[in-house]
């Protein structure tokens, strides 16, 4: 199991995807909800067992993961 504060990764939980500790709520799911336009309050109402701190830890984890020295090529879209 990998652990980083409120975000943990266990191969036996959600196929090892990073989740908020004590839940099966993945960092990926939270990012998808924000990308779909949901607010933090909407997410908290839908998942009352998570906290604001958990959501912020998930966002910080995602930001840190993107700081890795991996290049993500983006396809240009014709205008």
PDB file of N, CA and C in Angstrom:
ATOM      1  N   UNK A   1       0.847  -1.184   0.000  1.00  0.00           N
ATOM      2  CA  UNK A   1       0.000   0.000   0.000  1.00  0.00           C
ATOM      3  C   UNK A   1       0.885   1.238   0.000  1.00  0.00           C
ATOM      4  N   UNK A   2       0.615   2.172  -0.918  1.00  0.00           N
ATOM      5  CA  UNK A   2       1.291   3.464  -0.914  1.00  0.00           C
ATOM      6  C   UNK A   2       0.395   4.454  -0.199  1.00  0.00           C
ATOM      7  N   UNK A   3       1.020   5.395   0.497  1.00  0.00           N
ATOM      8  CA  UNK A   3       0.229   6.311   1.304  1.00  0.00           C
ATOM      9  C   UNK A   3       0.814   7.715   1.235  1.00  0.00           C
ATOM     10  N   UNK A   4      -0.056   8.692   1.155  1.00  0.00           N
ATOM     11  CA  UNK A   4       0.364  10.089   1.155  1.00  0.00           C
ATOM     12  C   UNK A   4      -0.700  10.895   1.888  1.00  0.00           C
ATOM     13  N   UNK A   5      -0.650  10.908   3.220  1.00  0.00           N
ATOM     14  CA  UNK A   5      -1.654  11.647   3.987  1.00  0.00           C
ATOM     15  C   UNK A   5      -3.028  11.055   3.815  1.00  0.00           C
ATOM     16  N   UNK A   6      -3.941  11.829   3.259  1.00  0.00           N
ATOM     17  CA  UNK A   6      -5.319  11.371   3.087  1.00  0.00           C
ATOM     18  C   UNK A   6      -5.520  10.547   1.823  1.00  0.00           C
ATOM     19  N   UNK A   7      -4.521  10.485   0.967  1.00  0.00           N
ATOM     20  CA  UNK A   7      -4.635   9.727  -0.277  1.00  0.00           C
ATOM     21  C   UNK A   7      -3.819   8.448  -0.145  1.00  0.00           C
ATOM     22  N   UNK A   8      -4.463   7.314  -0.408  1.00  0.00           N
ATOM     23  CA  UNK A   8      -3.791   6.022  -0.296  1.00  0.00           C
ATOM     24  C   UNK A   8      -4.000   5.211  -1.561  1.00  0.00           C
ATOM     25  N   UNK A   9      -3.117   4.260  -1.769  1.00  0.00           N
ATOM     26  CA  UNK A   9      -3.214   3.359  -2.908  1.00  0.00           C
ATOM     27  C   UNK A   9      -2.948   1.949  -2.413  1.00  0.00           C
ATOM     28  N   UNK A  10      -3.912   1.055  -2.660  1.00  0.00           N
ATOM     29  CA  UNK A  10      -3.807  -0.329  -2.227  1.00  0.00           C
ATOM     30  C   UNK A  10      -4.251  -1.191  -3.396  1.00  0.00           C
ATOM     31  N   UNK A  11      -3.425  -2.131  -3.828  1.00  0.00           N
ATOM     32  CA  UNK A  11      -3.802  -2.952  -4.974  1.00  0.00           C
ATOM     33  C   UNK A  11      -5.119  -3.702  -4.793  1.00  0.00           C
ATOM     34  N   UNK A  12      -5.558  -3.871  -3.557  1.00  0.00           N
ATOM     35  CA  UNK A  12      -6.809  -4.583  -3.292  1.00  0.00           C
ATOM     36  C   UNK A  12      -8.036  -3.671  -3.269  1.00  0.00           C
ATOM     37  N   UNK A  13      -7.824  -2.368  -3.453  1.00  0.00           N
ATOM     38  CA  UNK A  13      -8.932  -1.398  -3.436  1.00  0.00           C
ATOM     39  C   UNK A  13      -8.910  -0.621  -4.745  1.00  0.00           C
ATOM     40  N   UNK A  14      -9.991  -0.717  -5.491  1.00  0.00           N
ATOM     41  CA  UNK A  14     -10.147   0.025  -6.753  1.00  0.00           C
ATOM     42  C   UNK A  14      -8.946  -0.179  -7.688  1.00  0.00           C
ATOM     43  N   UNK A  15      -8.479  -1.421  -7.754  1.00  0.00           N
ATOM     44  CA  UNK A  15      -7.354  -1.801  -8.629  1.00  0.00           C
ATOM     45  C   UNK A  15      -6.096  -0.970  -8.374  1.00  0.00           C
ATOM     46  N   UNK A  16      -5.931  -0.485  -7.156  1.00  0.00           N
ATOM     47  CA  UNK A  16      -4.724   0.262  -6.805  1.00  0.00           C
ATOM     48  C   UNK A  16      -4.765   1.736  -7.151  1.00  0.00           C
ATOM     49  N   UNK A  17      -5.887   2.218  -7.676  1.00  0.00           N
ATOM     50  CA  UNK A  17      -5.986   3.646  -7.974  1.00  0.00           C
ATOM     51  C   UNK A  17      -5.941   4.441  -6.674  1.00  0.00           C
ATOM     52  N   UNK A  18      -5.378   5.637  -6.687  1.00  0.00           N
ATOM     53  CA  UNK A  18      -5.359   6.470  -5.479  1.00  0.00           C
ATOM     54  C   UNK A  18      -6.779   6.832  -5.054  1.00  0.00           C
ATOM     55  N   UNK A  19      -7.072   6.641  -3.771  1.00  0.00           N
ATOM     56  CA  UNK A  19      -8.386   6.934  -3.208  1.00  0.00           C
ATOM     57  C   UNK A  19      -8.231   7.774  -1.948  1.00  0.00           C
ATOM     58  N   UNK A  20      -9.324   8.406  -1.547  1.00  0.00           N
ATOM     59  CA  UNK A  20      -9.339   9.092  -0.256  1.00  0.00           C
ATOM     60  C   UNK A  20      -9.364   8.011   0.819  1.00  0.00           C
ATOM     61  N   UNK A  21      -8.488   8.142   1.793  1.00  0.00           N
ATOM     62  CA  UNK A  21      -8.356   7.138   2.861  1.00  0.00           C
ATOM     63  C   UNK A  21      -9.721   6.772   3.446  1.00  0.00           C
ATOM     64  N   UNK A  22      -9.939   5.475   3.610  1.00  0.00           N
ATOM     65  CA  UNK A  22     -11.163   4.976   4.223  1.00  0.00           C
ATOM     66  C   UNK A  22     -12.363   4.956   3.299  1.00  0.00           C
ATOM     67  N   UNK A  23     -12.144   5.247   2.005  1.00  0.00           N
ATOM     68  CA  UNK A  23     -13.246   5.253   1.040  1.00  0.00           C
ATOM     69  C   UNK A  23     -12.832   4.493  -0.213  1.00  0.00           C
ATOM     70  N   UNK A  24     -13.756   4.396  -1.123  1.00  0.00           N
ATOM     71  CA  UNK A  24     -13.470   3.872  -2.458  1.00  0.00           C
ATOM     72  C   UNK A  24     -13.629   4.996  -3.482  1.00  0.00           C
ATOM     73  N   UNK A  25     -13.542   6.243  -3.006  1.00  0.00           N
ATOM     74  CA  UNK A  25     -13.655   7.411  -3.876  1.00  0.00           C
ATOM     75  C   UNK A  25     -12.270   7.713  -4.445  1.00  0.00           C
ATOM     76  N   UNK A  26     -12.131   7.524  -5.762  1.00  0.00           N
ATOM     77  CA  UNK A  26     -10.828   7.718  -6.390  1.00  0.00           C
ATOM     78  C   UNK A  26     -10.571   9.194  -6.706  1.00  0.00           C
ATOM     79  N   UNK A  27      -9.292   9.512  -6.779  1.00  0.00           N
ATOM     80  CA  UNK A  27      -8.880  10.847  -7.216  1.00  0.00           C
ATOM     81  C   UNK A  27      -9.442  11.095  -8.615  1.00  0.00           C
ATOM     82  N   UNK A  28      -9.385  10.086  -9.440  1.00  0.00           N
ATOM     83  CA  UNK A  28      -9.901  10.179 -10.809  1.00  0.00           C
ATOM     84  C   UNK A  28     -11.378  10.572 -10.829  1.00  0.00           C
ATOM     85  N   UNK A  29     -12.195   9.941  -9.989  1.00  0.00           N
ATOM     86  CA  UNK A  29     -13.628  10.252  -9.933  1.00  0.00           C
ATOM     87  C   UNK A  29     -13.853  11.712  -9.547  1.00  0.00           C
ATOM     88  N   UNK A  30     -13.105  12.179  -8.556  1.00  0.00           N
ATOM     89  CA  UNK A  30     -13.270  13.572  -8.133  1.00  0.00           C
ATOM     90  C   UNK A  30     -12.899  14.536  -9.251  1.00  0.00           C
ATOM     91  N   UNK A  31     -11.820  14.254  -9.966  1.00  0.00           N
ATOM     92  CA  UNK A  31     -11.433  15.119 -11.087  1.00  0.00           C
ATOM     93  C   UNK A  31     -12.511  15.121 -12.164  1.00  0.00           C
ATOM     94  N   UNK A  32     -13.085  13.954 -12.430  1.00  0.00           N
ATOM     95  CA  UNK A  32     -14.161  13.876 -13.431  1.00  0.00           C
ATOM     96  C   UNK A  32     -15.373  14.689 -12.997  1.00  0.00           C
ATOM     97  N   UNK A  33     -15.706  14.641 -11.715  1.00  0.00           N
ATOM     98  CA  UNK A  33     -16.851  15.402 -11.214  1.00  0.00           C
ATOM     99  C   UNK A  33     -16.606  16.904 -11.342  1.00  0.00           C
ATOM    100  N   UNK A  34     -15.406  17.354 -10.989  1.00  0.00           N
ATOM    101  CA  UNK A  34     -15.097  18.778 -11.146  1.00  0.00           C
ATOM    102  C   UNK A  34     -15.105  19.172 -12.626  1.00  0.00           C
ATOM    103  N   UNK A  35     -14.555  18.327 -13.481  1.00  0.00           N
ATOM    104  CA  UNK A  35     -14.533  18.612 -14.916  1.00  0.00           C
ATOM    105  C   UNK A  35     -15.941  18.687 -15.492  1.00  0.00           C
ATOM    106  N   UNK A  36     -16.874  17.950 -14.895  1.00  0.00           N
ATOM    107  CA  UNK A  36     -18.268  17.962 -15.356  1.00  0.00           C
ATOM    108  C   UNK A  36     -19.041  19.158 -14.805  1.00  0.00           C
ATOM    109  N   UNK A  37     -18.367  19.977 -13.981  1.00  0.00           N
ATOM    110  CA  UNK A  37     -19.004  21.189 -13.491  1.00  0.00           C
ATOM    111  C   UNK A  37     -19.577  21.100 -12.092  1.00  0.00           C
ATOM    112  N   UNK A  38     -19.384  19.974 -11.419  1.00  0.00           N
ATOM    113  CA  UNK A  38     -19.901  19.870 -10.059  1.00  0.00           C
ATOM    114  C   UNK A  38     -19.055  20.717  -9.108  1.00  0.00           C
ATOM    115  N   UNK A  39     -19.701  21.266  -8.110  1.00  0.00           N
ATOM    116  CA  UNK A  39     -18.996  22.060  -7.103  1.00  0.00           C
ATOM    117  C   UNK A  39     -18.546  21.149  -5.963  1.00  0.00           C
ATOM    118  N   UNK A  40     -17.667  21.691  -5.150  1.00  0.00           N
ATOM    119  CA  UNK A  40     -17.216  20.956  -3.974  1.00  0.00           C
ATOM    120  C   UNK A  40     -18.400  20.604  -3.074  1.00  0.00           C
ATOM    121  N   UNK A  41     -19.317  21.545  -2.889  1.00  0.00           N
ATOM    122  CA  UNK A  41     -20.493  21.283  -2.052  1.00  0.00           C
ATOM    123  C   UNK A  41     -21.363  20.173  -2.633  1.00  0.00           C
ATOM    124  N   UNK A  42     -21.530  20.148  -3.950  1.00  0.00           N
ATOM    125  CA  UNK A  42     -22.318  19.084  -4.579  1.00  0.00           C
ATOM    126  C   UNK A  42     -21.664  17.721  -4.361  1.00  0.00           C
ATOM    127  N   UNK A  43     -20.370  17.676  -4.483  1.00  0.00           N
ATOM    128  CA  UNK A  43     -19.643  16.417  -4.290  1.00  0.00           C
ATOM    129  C   UNK A  43     -19.775  15.960  -2.846  1.00  0.00           C
ATOM    130  N   UNK A  44     -19.647  16.886  -1.903  1.00  0.00           N
ATOM    131  CA  UNK A  44     -19.771  16.534  -0.488  1.00  0.00           C
ATOM    132  C   UNK A  44     -21.175  16.032  -0.156  1.00  0.00           C
ATOM    133  N   UNK A  45     -22.189  16.621  -0.768  1.00  0.00           N
ATOM    134  CA  UNK A  45     -23.558  16.147  -0.530  1.00  0.00           C
ATOM    135  C   UNK A  45     -23.758  14.736  -1.095  1.00  0.00           C
ATOM    136  N   UNK A  46     -23.162  14.479  -2.245  1.00  0.00           N
ATOM    137  CA  UNK A  46     -23.304  13.167  -2.874  1.00  0.00           C
ATOM    138  C   UNK A  46     -22.493  12.088  -2.150  1.00  0.00           C
ATOM    139  N   UNK A  47     -21.429  12.511  -1.477  1.00  0.00           N
ATOM    140  CA  UNK A  47     -20.534  11.571  -0.790  1.00  0.00           C
ATOM    141  C   UNK A  47     -20.259  12.088   0.617  1.00  0.00           C
ATOM    142  N   UNK A  48     -21.228  11.980   1.521  1.00  0.00           N
ATOM    143  CA  UNK A  48     -21.090  12.579   2.847  1.00  0.00           C
ATOM    144  C   UNK A  48     -19.986  11.975   3.712  1.00  0.00           C
ATOM    145  N   UNK A  49     -19.429  10.857   3.297  1.00  0.00           N
ATOM    146  CA  UNK A  49     -18.360  10.231   4.071  1.00  0.00           C
ATOM    147  C   UNK A  49     -16.978  10.785   3.724  1.00  0.00           C
ATOM    148  N   UNK A  50     -16.896  11.724   2.764  1.00  0.00           N
ATOM    149  CA  UNK A  50     -15.612  12.379   2.504  1.00  0.00           C
ATOM    150  C   UNK A  50     -15.663  13.802   3.048  1.00  0.00           C
ATOM    151  N   UNK A  51     -14.503  14.419   3.145  1.00  0.00           N
ATOM    152  CA  UNK A  51     -14.402  15.769   3.712  1.00  0.00           C
ATOM    153  C   UNK A  51     -13.797  16.728   2.706  1.00  0.00           C
ATOM    154  N   UNK A  52     -13.918  18.008   3.013  1.00  0.00           N
ATOM    155  CA  UNK A  52     -13.259  19.022   2.182  1.00  0.00           C
ATOM    156  C   UNK A  52     -11.757  18.773   2.132  1.00  0.00           C
ATOM    157  N   UNK A  53     -11.200  18.387   3.274  1.00  0.00           N
ATOM    158  CA  UNK A  53      -9.762  18.118   3.332  1.00  0.00           C
ATOM    159  C   UNK A  53      -9.399  16.953   2.410  1.00  0.00           C
ATOM    160  N   UNK A  54     -10.270  15.949   2.355  1.00  0.00           N
ATOM    161  CA  UNK A  54     -10.036  14.820   1.456  1.00  0.00           C
ATOM    162  C   UNK A  54     -10.061  15.242   0.002  1.00  0.00           C
ATOM    163  N   UNK A  55     -11.018  16.083  -0.345  1.00  0.00           N
ATOM    164  CA  UNK A  55     -11.104  16.583  -1.722  1.00  0.00           C
ATOM    165  C   UNK A  55      -9.854  17.395  -2.063  1.00  0.00           C
ATOM    166  N   UNK A  56      -9.446  18.261  -1.166  1.00  0.00           N
ATOM    167  CA  UNK A  56      -8.260  19.098  -1.428  1.00  0.00           C
ATOM    168  C   UNK A  56      -6.995  18.258  -1.500  1.00  0.00           C
ATOM    169  N   UNK A  57      -6.930  17.200  -0.697  1.00  0.00           N
ATOM    170  CA  UNK A  57      -5.783  16.293  -0.766  1.00  0.00           C
ATOM    171  C   UNK A  57      -5.753  15.585  -2.120  1.00  0.00           C
ATOM    172  N   UNK A  58      -6.930  15.224  -2.633  1.00  0.00           N
ATOM    173  CA  UNK A  58      -7.007  14.569  -3.942  1.00  0.00           C
ATOM    174  C   UNK A  58      -6.540  15.509  -5.047  1.00  0.00           C
ATOM    175  N   UNK A  59      -6.958  16.769  -4.975  1.00  0.00           N
ATOM    176  CA  UNK A  59      -6.529  17.745  -5.982  1.00  0.00           C
ATOM    177  C   UNK A  59      -5.023  17.990  -5.898  1.00  0.00           C
ATOM    178  N   UNK A  60      -4.495  18.082  -4.688  1.00  0.00           N
ATOM    179  CA  UNK A  60      -3.051  18.283  -4.506  1.00  0.00           C
ATOM    180  C   UNK A  60      -2.281  17.076  -5.035  1.00  0.00           C
ATOM    181  N   UNK A  61      -2.805  15.866  -4.794  1.00  0.00           N
ATOM    182  CA  UNK A  61      -2.173  14.648  -5.293  1.00  0.00           C
ATOM    183  C   UNK A  61      -2.117  14.676  -6.822  1.00  0.00           C
ATOM    184  N   UNK A  62      -3.238  15.045  -7.452  1.00  0.00           N
ATOM    185  CA  UNK A  62      -3.294  15.093  -8.915  1.00  0.00           C
ATOM    186  C   UNK A  62      -2.314  16.128  -9.461  1.00  0.00           C
ATOM    187  N   UNK A  63      -2.245  17.286  -8.826  1.00  0.00           N
ATOM    188  CA  UNK A  63      -1.318  18.333  -9.270  1.00  0.00           C
ATOM    189  C   UNK A  63       0.127  17.845  -9.153  1.00  0.00           C
ATOM    190  N   UNK A  64       0.436  17.190  -8.061  1.00  0.00           N
ATOM    191  CA  UNK A  64       1.793  16.678  -7.855  1.00  0.00           C
ATOM    192  C   UNK A  64       2.120  15.590  -8.882  1.00  0.00           C
ATOM    193  N   UNK A  65       1.152  14.742  -9.182  1.00  0.00           N
ATOM    194  CA  UNK A  65       1.373  13.684 -10.167  1.00  0.00           C
ATOM    195  C   UNK A  65       1.682  14.271 -11.540  1.00  0.00           C
ATOM    196  N   UNK A  66       1.066  15.392 -11.876  1.00  0.00           N
ATOM    197  CA  UNK A  66       1.298  16.018 -13.179  1.00  0.00           C
ATOM    198  C   UNK A  66       2.613  16.779 -13.233  1.00  0.00           C
ATOM    199  N   UNK A  67       3.242  16.997 -12.081  1.00  0.00           N
ATOM    200  CA  UNK A  67       4.537  17.671 -12.060  1.00  0.00           C
ATOM    201  C   UNK A  67       5.679  16.724 -12.402  1.00  0.00           C
ATOM    202  N   UNK A  68       5.399  15.441 -12.512  1.00  0.00           N
ATOM    203  CA  UNK A  68       6.432  14.464 -12.844  1.00  0.00           C
ATOM    204  C   UNK A  68       7.039  14.819 -14.198  1.00  0.00           C
ATOM    205  N   UNK A  69       8.187  14.294 -14.455  1.00  0.00           N
ATOM    206  CA  UNK A  69       8.889  14.638 -15.694  1.00  0.00           C
ATOM    207  C   UNK A  69       8.392  13.805 -16.870  1.00  0.00           C
ATOM    208  N   UNK A  70       7.092  13.682 -16.998  1.00  0.00           N
ATOM    209  CA  UNK A  70       6.480  12.970 -18.113  1.00  0.00           C
ATOM    210  C   UNK A  70       5.888  14.002 -19.053  1.00  0.00           C
ATOM    211  N   UNK A  71       6.110  13.818 -20.339  1.00  0.00           N
ATOM    212  CA  UNK A  71       5.561  14.740 -21.336  1.00  0.00           C
ATOM    213  C   UNK A  71       4.246  14.155 -21.832  1.00  0.00           C
ATOM    214  N   UNK A  72       3.204  14.977 -21.813  1.00  0.00           N
ATOM    215  CA  UNK A  72       1.891  14.565 -22.295  1.00  0.00           C
ATOM    216  C   UNK A  72       1.637  15.269 -23.625  1.00  0.00           C
ATOM    217  N   UNK A  73       1.886  14.583 -24.743  1.00  0.00           N
ATOM    218  CA  UNK A  73       1.658  15.247 -26.039  1.00  0.00           C
ATOM    219  C   UNK A  73       0.179  15.514 -26.247  1.00  0.00           C
ATOM    220  N   UNK A  74      -0.115  16.706 -26.700  1.00  0.00           N
ATOM    221  CA  UNK A  74      -1.494  17.097 -26.979  1.00  0.00           C
ATOM    222  C   UNK A  74      -1.669  17.224 -28.473  1.00  0.00           C
ATOM    223  N   UNK A  75      -2.747  16.682 -28.957  1.00  0.00           N
ATOM    224  CA  UNK A  75      -3.032  16.749 -30.386  1.00  0.00           C
ATOM    225  C   UNK A  75      -3.591  18.135 -30.699  1.00  0.00           C
ATOM    226  N   UNK A  76      -3.089  18.738 -31.742  1.00  0.00           N
ATOM    227  CA  UNK A  76      -3.590  20.047 -32.148  1.00  0.00           C
ATOM    228  C   UNK A  76      -4.939  19.889 -32.813  1.00  0.00           C
ATOM    229  N   UNK A  77      -5.842  20.772 -32.473  1.00  0.00           N
ATOM    230  CA  UNK A  77      -7.170  20.749 -33.057  1.00  0.00           C
ATOM    231  C   UNK A  77      -7.228  21.832 -34.127  1.00  0.00           C
ATOM    232  N   UNK A  78      -7.673  21.456 -35.298  1.00  0.00           N
ATOM    233  CA  UNK A  78      -7.792  22.431 -36.384  1.00  0.00           C
ATOM    234  C   UNK A  78      -8.841  23.476 -36.023  1.00  0.00           C
ATOM    235  N   UNK A  79      -8.524  24.737 -36.310  1.00  0.00           N
ATOM    236  CA  UNK A  79      -9.474  25.800 -35.973  1.00  0.00           C
ATOM    237  C   UNK A  79     -10.317  26.222 -37.126  1.00  0.00           C
TER     238      UNK A  79
END
